[in-house]
N, C-alpha and C. Protein backbone atom coordinates (compact mmCIF):
# COMPACT_ATOMS: atom_id res chain seq x y z
N PHE A 1 -27.49 10.39 50.02
CA PHE A 1 -26.85 11.69 50.06
C PHE A 1 -25.50 11.63 50.76
N THR A 2 -25.35 10.76 51.73
CA THR A 2 -24.08 10.69 52.45
C THR A 2 -22.95 10.17 51.57
N HIS A 3 -23.28 9.38 50.56
CA HIS A 3 -22.24 8.90 49.65
C HIS A 3 -21.62 10.05 48.88
N TYR A 4 -22.45 10.97 48.39
CA TYR A 4 -21.93 12.11 47.64
C TYR A 4 -21.08 13.00 48.54
N TYR A 5 -21.54 13.21 49.77
CA TYR A 5 -20.78 14.05 50.69
C TYR A 5 -19.43 13.42 51.01
N THR A 6 -19.43 12.12 51.27
CA THR A 6 -18.20 11.44 51.65
C THR A 6 -17.22 11.34 50.48
N LEU A 7 -17.74 11.06 49.30
CA LEU A 7 -16.86 10.84 48.15
C LEU A 7 -16.41 12.11 47.44
N PHE A 8 -17.25 13.15 47.44
CA PHE A 8 -16.94 14.33 46.64
C PHE A 8 -16.76 15.61 47.46
N LEU A 9 -17.69 15.89 48.33
CA LEU A 9 -17.65 17.18 49.02
C LEU A 9 -16.57 17.25 50.09
N SER A 10 -16.39 16.21 50.87
CA SER A 10 -15.35 16.24 51.92
C SER A 10 -13.95 16.41 51.33
N PRO A 11 -13.55 15.63 50.34
CA PRO A 11 -12.21 15.86 49.76
C PRO A 11 -12.08 17.23 49.11
N MET A 12 -13.17 17.72 48.51
CA MET A 12 -13.09 19.03 47.88
C MET A 12 -12.85 20.11 48.94
N PHE A 13 -13.49 19.99 50.10
CA PHE A 13 -13.25 20.95 51.18
C PHE A 13 -11.82 20.85 51.69
N LEU A 14 -11.29 19.64 51.81
CA LEU A 14 -9.94 19.47 52.33
C LEU A 14 -8.89 20.05 51.39
N PHE A 15 -9.11 19.97 50.08
CA PHE A 15 -8.14 20.45 49.11
C PHE A 15 -8.46 21.84 48.57
N SER A 16 -9.38 22.57 49.18
CA SER A 16 -9.84 23.83 48.60
C SER A 16 -9.17 25.06 49.15
N GLY A 17 -8.55 24.99 50.30
CA GLY A 17 -7.96 26.18 50.90
C GLY A 17 -8.91 26.89 51.84
N VAL A 18 -10.02 26.27 52.19
CA VAL A 18 -10.96 26.88 53.12
C VAL A 18 -10.39 26.84 54.53
N PHE A 19 -9.87 25.71 54.95
CA PHE A 19 -9.41 25.53 56.32
C PHE A 19 -7.93 25.87 56.50
N PHE A 20 -7.12 25.62 55.48
CA PHE A 20 -5.70 25.92 55.53
C PHE A 20 -5.25 26.21 54.10
N PRO A 21 -4.17 26.98 53.93
CA PRO A 21 -3.74 27.36 52.58
C PRO A 21 -3.29 26.16 51.75
N THR A 22 -3.57 26.23 50.47
CA THR A 22 -3.17 25.13 49.59
C THR A 22 -1.66 25.07 49.39
N SER A 23 -0.96 26.13 49.72
CA SER A 23 0.51 26.11 49.58
C SER A 23 1.16 25.14 50.57
N THR A 24 0.45 24.77 51.62
CA THR A 24 1.01 23.81 52.58
C THR A 24 0.76 22.37 52.17
N LEU A 25 0.01 22.15 51.12
CA LEU A 25 -0.28 20.80 50.66
C LEU A 25 0.91 20.22 49.91
N PRO A 26 1.02 18.89 49.85
CA PRO A 26 2.05 18.27 49.00
C PRO A 26 1.80 18.60 47.53
N ALA A 27 2.80 18.39 46.72
CA ALA A 27 2.71 18.77 45.30
C ALA A 27 1.56 18.04 44.60
N TRP A 28 1.38 16.75 44.87
CA TRP A 28 0.31 16.00 44.20
C TRP A 28 -1.06 16.53 44.61
N ALA A 29 -1.20 16.98 45.84
CA ALA A 29 -2.49 17.50 46.30
C ALA A 29 -2.77 18.87 45.71
N ARG A 30 -1.73 19.68 45.51
CA ARG A 30 -1.93 20.98 44.86
C ARG A 30 -2.40 20.81 43.42
N VAL A 31 -1.82 19.82 42.74
CA VAL A 31 -2.24 19.55 41.36
C VAL A 31 -3.69 19.07 41.34
N LEU A 32 -4.04 18.18 42.26
CA LEU A 32 -5.41 17.70 42.35
C LEU A 32 -6.37 18.83 42.67
N SER A 33 -5.98 19.72 43.57
CA SER A 33 -6.88 20.81 43.96
C SER A 33 -7.12 21.79 42.82
N TRP A 34 -6.17 21.91 41.91
CA TRP A 34 -6.35 22.85 40.81
C TRP A 34 -7.51 22.43 39.90
N PHE A 35 -7.78 21.15 39.80
CA PHE A 35 -8.85 20.66 38.92
C PHE A 35 -10.22 20.71 39.56
N LEU A 36 -10.31 20.93 40.86
CA LEU A 36 -11.59 21.01 41.55
C LEU A 36 -12.14 22.43 41.46
N PRO A 37 -13.46 22.60 41.43
CA PRO A 37 -14.01 23.96 41.30
C PRO A 37 -13.96 24.78 42.59
N LEU A 38 -14.04 24.16 43.75
CA LEU A 38 -14.12 24.92 44.99
C LEU A 38 -12.87 25.75 45.29
N PRO A 39 -11.66 25.27 45.06
CA PRO A 39 -10.49 26.13 45.32
C PRO A 39 -10.49 27.40 44.49
N HIS A 40 -11.03 27.34 43.29
CA HIS A 40 -11.10 28.55 42.46
C HIS A 40 -12.11 29.53 43.02
N ALA A 41 -13.21 29.02 43.55
CA ALA A 41 -14.20 29.91 44.18
C ALA A 41 -13.63 30.54 45.44
N VAL A 42 -12.88 29.77 46.22
CA VAL A 42 -12.28 30.30 47.44
C VAL A 42 -11.23 31.35 47.10
N ALA A 43 -10.39 31.08 46.11
CA ALA A 43 -9.35 32.04 45.73
C ALA A 43 -9.96 33.33 45.19
N ALA A 44 -11.02 33.22 44.40
CA ALA A 44 -11.66 34.42 43.86
C ALA A 44 -12.32 35.23 44.97
N GLN A 45 -12.98 34.56 45.90
CA GLN A 45 -13.62 35.28 47.01
C GLN A 45 -12.59 35.92 47.92
N GLN A 46 -11.49 35.25 48.19
CA GLN A 46 -10.45 35.84 49.03
C GLN A 46 -9.85 37.07 48.37
N ALA A 47 -9.60 36.99 47.06
CA ALA A 47 -9.03 38.13 46.35
C ALA A 47 -10.00 39.30 46.32
N LEU A 48 -11.26 39.03 46.09
CA LEU A 48 -12.25 40.11 46.08
C LEU A 48 -12.42 40.71 47.47
N PHE A 49 -12.38 39.90 48.50
CA PHE A 49 -12.52 40.38 49.87
C PHE A 49 -11.36 41.30 50.26
N HIS A 50 -10.15 40.91 49.86
CA HIS A 50 -8.97 41.70 50.22
C HIS A 50 -8.71 42.84 49.24
N GLY A 51 -9.48 42.91 48.16
CA GLY A 51 -9.32 43.99 47.19
C GLY A 51 -8.19 43.80 46.21
N HIS A 52 -7.74 42.57 46.02
CA HIS A 52 -6.67 42.28 45.06
C HIS A 52 -7.28 41.83 43.74
N LEU A 53 -7.75 42.77 42.96
CA LEU A 53 -8.38 42.44 41.69
C LEU A 53 -7.30 42.32 40.61
N THR A 54 -7.02 41.10 40.23
CA THR A 54 -6.01 40.83 39.21
C THR A 54 -6.63 39.96 38.12
N TRP A 55 -5.81 39.66 37.12
CA TRP A 55 -6.28 38.78 36.05
C TRP A 55 -6.45 37.35 36.55
N ALA A 56 -5.81 37.01 37.65
CA ALA A 56 -5.98 35.67 38.22
C ALA A 56 -7.43 35.45 38.67
N VAL A 57 -8.07 36.51 39.16
CA VAL A 57 -9.47 36.40 39.57
C VAL A 57 -10.34 36.10 38.35
N VAL A 58 -10.04 36.74 37.24
CA VAL A 58 -10.78 36.48 36.00
C VAL A 58 -10.57 35.04 35.55
N GLY A 59 -9.35 34.53 35.70
CA GLY A 59 -9.07 33.13 35.37
C GLY A 59 -9.84 32.17 36.26
N HIS A 60 -9.92 32.48 37.54
CA HIS A 60 -10.69 31.64 38.46
C HIS A 60 -12.17 31.64 38.09
N LEU A 61 -12.69 32.82 37.79
CA LEU A 61 -14.10 32.90 37.41
C LEU A 61 -14.37 32.20 36.08
N ALA A 62 -13.43 32.29 35.14
CA ALA A 62 -13.58 31.58 33.87
C ALA A 62 -13.58 30.07 34.09
N TRP A 63 -12.71 29.59 34.97
CA TRP A 63 -12.69 28.15 35.29
C TRP A 63 -14.02 27.71 35.89
N LEU A 64 -14.57 28.54 36.79
CA LEU A 64 -15.85 28.21 37.41
C LEU A 64 -16.97 28.18 36.38
N LEU A 65 -16.99 29.14 35.47
CA LEU A 65 -18.01 29.13 34.41
C LEU A 65 -17.85 27.93 33.49
N GLY A 66 -16.61 27.56 33.20
CA GLY A 66 -16.37 26.37 32.38
C GLY A 66 -16.86 25.10 33.07
N CYS A 67 -16.56 24.97 34.36
CA CYS A 67 -17.04 23.81 35.12
C CYS A 67 -18.56 23.78 35.16
N ALA A 68 -19.16 24.94 35.37
CA ALA A 68 -20.63 25.01 35.42
C ALA A 68 -21.22 24.58 34.08
N GLY A 69 -20.63 25.01 32.99
CA GLY A 69 -21.12 24.63 31.67
C GLY A 69 -20.99 23.14 31.41
N VAL A 70 -19.85 22.58 31.78
CA VAL A 70 -19.63 21.15 31.57
C VAL A 70 -20.60 20.32 32.42
N PHE A 71 -20.74 20.68 33.68
CA PHE A 71 -21.63 19.91 34.55
C PHE A 71 -23.09 20.12 34.19
N TYR A 72 -23.44 21.28 33.66
CA TYR A 72 -24.81 21.52 33.19
C TYR A 72 -25.13 20.61 32.01
N ARG A 73 -24.23 20.56 31.04
CA ARG A 73 -24.43 19.69 29.87
C ARG A 73 -24.47 18.22 30.28
N LEU A 74 -23.61 17.84 31.21
CA LEU A 74 -23.59 16.47 31.69
C LEU A 74 -24.89 16.11 32.39
N SER A 75 -25.40 17.00 33.22
CA SER A 75 -26.65 16.71 33.92
C SER A 75 -27.82 16.63 32.95
N LEU A 76 -27.84 17.50 31.93
CA LEU A 76 -28.90 17.41 30.92
C LEU A 76 -28.86 16.08 30.18
N ALA A 77 -27.68 15.68 29.78
CA ALA A 77 -27.55 14.42 29.04
C ALA A 77 -27.96 13.23 29.90
N LEU A 78 -27.56 13.22 31.15
CA LEU A 78 -27.93 12.10 32.02
C LEU A 78 -29.42 12.07 32.32
N MET A 79 -30.03 13.23 32.50
CA MET A 79 -31.47 13.26 32.76
C MET A 79 -32.26 12.86 31.51
N ARG A 80 -31.83 13.31 30.35
CA ARG A 80 -32.52 12.91 29.12
C ARG A 80 -32.42 11.40 28.91
N ARG A 81 -31.23 10.87 29.15
CA ARG A 81 -31.07 9.42 28.99
C ARG A 81 -31.95 8.66 29.96
N ARG A 82 -32.09 9.17 31.17
CA ARG A 82 -32.88 8.48 32.17
C ARG A 82 -34.38 8.63 31.92
N LEU A 83 -34.81 9.80 31.47
CA LEU A 83 -36.23 10.05 31.27
C LEU A 83 -36.75 9.54 29.94
N ILE A 84 -35.95 9.67 28.90
CA ILE A 84 -36.41 9.29 27.56
C ILE A 84 -36.19 7.80 27.30
N GLY A 85 -35.13 7.28 27.76
CA GLY A 85 -34.96 5.87 27.53
C GLY A 85 -33.58 5.46 27.56
């Protein structure tokens, strides 16, 4: 379990905007953070908390649903391959 936390969760937290705004990150890190799902969840929650309901929130939620769908299909395929043969 520590491998997953070290390789995936820690960098996702660092690039997500939870601890500091993503606008302070270098350009390459902002691009990297855009592809991760956690920054979109943080941005959507911050906008909903502050009452700034815009189309950007819908875009963030659509990205999260897309990531969930892709990872769901990937997990099904990997489990079928492992269980069936």
